[in-house]
Amino acid sequence: MDTISIPFPQALYDKIILRSGGRLDPVQLAIDQVEQFIERTQGDDIHWTREGIAAFAREAGARGFIDIGDPKGGHMWKPVFLPNGSRLRMNYKSKSYHAQVRREAIHNDDAEFDSISQWVRWVASNTARNAWHDVWIKRPGHADYIYSDKLRSDLS
């Protein structure tokens, strides 16, 4: 992946590192925020040109239709229910990984998994992880990802 350098305030970088105890990578956090912005606004003519919006539409069409299964179905991750179409995100070693709940299972570009824990182990090359502390969830129709452990604690 080609990269460029952009000015990033040192004080903000330090705040992220210190307050997260090093758990958050400011670079990956910035990348995730820009990706989410693009996803949220790709049809917005306030930010994008007509040509840009058309390019987003072509890219979406090129990805093709993905059958997510029954919209009332989904994956039960005790005690959290994730409807089909829910998106998962995990950052590991400065890289962002994505999966989606489809037909009651967890899917990424390469494989299908029976559980979120199984997907997390695959992402982390079979190292032991606590999936509740690694995964962010975006349910269908929601604009933002939510920390999975927060979803779980809200249900307790």
Protein backbone atom coordinates (compact mmCIF):
# COMPACT_ATOMS: atom_id res chain seq x y z
CA MET A 1 0.00 0.00 0.00
CA ASP A 2 1.35 3.40 -0.97
CA THR A 3 1.24 5.97 1.82
CA ILE A 4 1.62 9.70 2.22
CA SER A 5 2.39 11.76 5.28
CA ILE A 6 -0.06 14.34 6.55
CA PRO A 7 0.41 16.82 9.37
CA PHE A 8 -1.08 15.41 12.57
CA PRO A 9 -0.93 17.45 15.78
CA GLN A 10 1.55 15.92 18.22
CA ALA A 11 -0.67 16.82 21.21
CA LEU A 12 -3.62 14.92 19.70
CA TYR A 13 -1.40 11.93 18.88
CA ASP A 14 -0.06 11.90 22.46
CA LYS A 15 -3.56 12.22 23.94
CA ILE A 16 -4.77 9.17 21.98
CA ILE A 17 -1.75 7.08 23.02
CA LEU A 18 -1.84 8.12 26.68
CA ARG A 19 -5.58 7.92 27.25
CA SER A 20 -5.95 4.58 25.49
CA GLY A 21 -2.91 3.13 27.26
CA GLY A 22 -1.46 2.40 23.83
CA ARG A 23 -4.44 0.27 22.77
CA LEU A 24 -5.39 2.68 19.98
CA ASP A 25 -3.13 3.44 17.06
CA PRO A 26 -3.72 7.09 16.03
CA VAL A 27 -2.81 6.36 12.41
CA GLN A 28 -5.28 3.49 12.15
CA LEU A 29 -7.88 5.55 14.01
CA ALA A 30 -7.51 8.36 11.45
CA ILE A 31 -7.75 5.89 8.55
CA ASP A 32 -10.89 4.32 10.05
CA GLN A 33 -12.50 7.73 10.51
CA VAL A 34 -11.83 8.72 6.89
CA GLU A 35 -13.13 5.35 5.63
CA GLN A 36 -16.31 5.79 7.70
CA PHE A 37 -16.73 9.34 6.42
CA ILE A 38 -16.49 8.14 2.82
CA GLU A 39 -18.94 5.29 3.47
CA ARG A 40 -21.44 7.66 5.15
CA THR A 41 -21.25 10.45 2.59
CA GLN A 42 -20.59 8.81 -0.77
CA GLY A 43 -23.96 10.00 -2.13
CA ASP A 44 -23.60 13.49 -0.65
CA ASP A 45 -23.23 16.25 -3.25
CA ILE A 46 -22.10 18.68 -0.55
CA HIS A 47 -18.74 16.90 -0.35
CA TRP A 48 -18.39 15.05 -3.67
CA THR A 49 -18.66 16.02 -7.32
CA ARG A 50 -21.21 14.36 -9.60
CA GLU A 51 -18.35 12.41 -11.15
CA GLY A 52 -17.18 11.32 -7.70
CA ILE A 53 -20.67 10.13 -6.72
CA ALA A 54 -20.94 8.23 -10.01
CA ALA A 55 -17.56 6.59 -9.33
CA PHE A 56 -18.77 5.46 -5.88
CA ALA A 57 -21.90 3.98 -7.51
CA ARG A 58 -19.81 2.13 -10.12
CA GLU A 59 -17.57 0.71 -7.38
CA ALA A 60 -20.61 -0.46 -5.43
CA GLY A 61 -22.03 -2.08 -8.56
CA ALA A 62 -18.71 -3.75 -9.31
CA ARG A 63 -18.73 -5.33 -5.86
CA GLY A 64 -22.04 -6.83 -6.86
CA PHE A 65 -25.01 -7.91 -4.83
CA ILE A 66 -24.18 -9.83 -1.68
CA ASP A 67 -26.89 -12.09 -0.31
CA ILE A 68 -26.92 -11.47 3.44
CA GLY A 69 -29.82 -13.84 4.10
CA ASP A 70 -33.06 -13.20 5.94
CA PRO A 71 -32.97 -9.65 7.39
CA LYS A 72 -34.72 -10.99 10.51
CA GLY A 73 -32.04 -13.63 10.98
CA GLY A 74 -28.52 -13.17 12.20
CA HIS A 75 -25.80 -14.38 14.51
CA MET A 76 -26.19 -14.71 18.29
CA TRP A 77 -23.05 -13.69 20.13
CA LYS A 78 -24.21 -14.18 23.68
CA PRO A 79 -25.88 -11.94 24.80
CA VAL A 80 -25.65 -9.73 21.68
CA PHE A 81 -27.77 -10.46 18.61
CA LEU A 82 -26.22 -9.31 15.34
CA PRO A 83 -28.71 -9.14 12.46
CA ASN A 84 -27.63 -10.33 9.02
CA GLY A 85 -25.87 -7.41 7.36
CA SER A 86 -24.06 -6.32 10.53
CA ARG A 87 -20.46 -5.33 9.90
CA LEU A 88 -17.48 -6.18 12.12
CA ARG A 89 -14.17 -4.40 12.36
CA MET A 90 -11.00 -5.37 14.17
CA ASN A 91 -7.65 -3.61 14.25
CA TYR A 92 -4.63 -5.86 14.60
CA LYS A 93 -0.97 -4.97 14.10
CA SER A 94 -1.85 -1.57 12.60
CA LYS A 95 -4.21 -3.06 10.03
CA SER A 96 -8.00 -2.94 9.91
CA TYR A 97 -9.89 -6.18 9.20
CA HIS A 98 -13.55 -6.37 8.23
CA ALA A 99 -16.22 -9.06 8.21
CA GLN A 100 -19.98 -9.21 7.84
CA VAL A 101 -22.78 -11.32 9.27
CA ARG A 102 -24.37 -13.13 6.33
CA ARG A 103 -26.75 -16.06 6.46
CA GLU A 104 -26.18 -16.36 10.24
CA ALA A 105 -22.39 -16.79 9.87
CA ILE A 106 -19.36 -14.49 9.87
CA HIS A 107 -17.86 -13.81 6.43
CA ASN A 108 -14.81 -11.93 5.24
CA ASP A 109 -13.36 -11.87 1.73
CA ASP A 110 -11.48 -15.11 2.29
CA ALA A 111 -13.57 -17.40 4.46
CA GLU A 112 -16.69 -18.17 6.48
CA PHE A 113 -16.55 -18.55 10.26
CA ASP A 114 -18.98 -20.13 12.72
CA SER A 115 -18.26 -17.57 15.42
CA ILE A 116 -16.81 -14.13 15.96
CA SER A 117 -14.15 -15.64 18.21
CA GLN A 118 -13.10 -17.93 15.37
CA TRP A 119 -12.79 -14.92 13.02
CA VAL A 120 -10.79 -12.97 15.64
CA ARG A 121 -8.38 -15.92 16.08
CA TRP A 122 -7.97 -16.09 12.27
CA VAL A 123 -7.20 -12.33 12.11
CA ALA A 124 -4.70 -12.67 14.97
CA SER A 125 -2.96 -15.72 13.44
CA ASN A 126 -4.34 -18.09 16.12
CA THR A 127 -3.11 -16.06 19.06
CA ALA A 128 -5.37 -15.91 22.10
CA ARG A 129 -7.62 -12.82 22.04
CA ASN A 130 -10.68 -11.56 23.88
CA ALA A 131 -13.04 -10.82 21.00
CA TRP A 132 -15.19 -8.55 23.19
CA HIS A 133 -12.20 -6.23 23.50
CA ASP A 134 -11.15 -6.37 19.84
CA VAL A 135 -14.31 -6.09 17.76
CA TRP A 136 -16.36 -3.06 16.76
CA ILE A 137 -19.86 -3.63 15.38
CA LYS A 138 -21.99 -1.65 12.96
CA ARG A 139 -25.56 -2.90 12.72
CA PRO A 140 -27.62 -2.41 9.54
CA GLY A 141 -29.09 1.07 9.39
CA HIS A 142 -26.66 2.50 11.97
CA ALA A 143 -24.12 5.14 10.99
CA ASP A 144 -21.30 4.24 13.38
CA TYR A 145 -19.42 1.28 14.75
CA ILE A 146 -19.92 0.50 18.45
CA TYR A 147 -17.40 -1.20 20.72
CA SER A 148 -18.68 -4.76 21.22
CA ASP A 149 -17.94 -4.83 24.95
CA LYS A 150 -20.12 -1.73 25.36
CA LEU A 151 -22.98 -3.47 23.54
CA ARG A 152 -22.58 -6.43 25.85
CA SER A 153 -22.40 -4.34 29.02
CA ASP A 154 -25.49 -2.33 27.98
CA LEU A 155 -27.45 -5.60 27.94
CA SER A 156 -26.33 -6.66 31.42
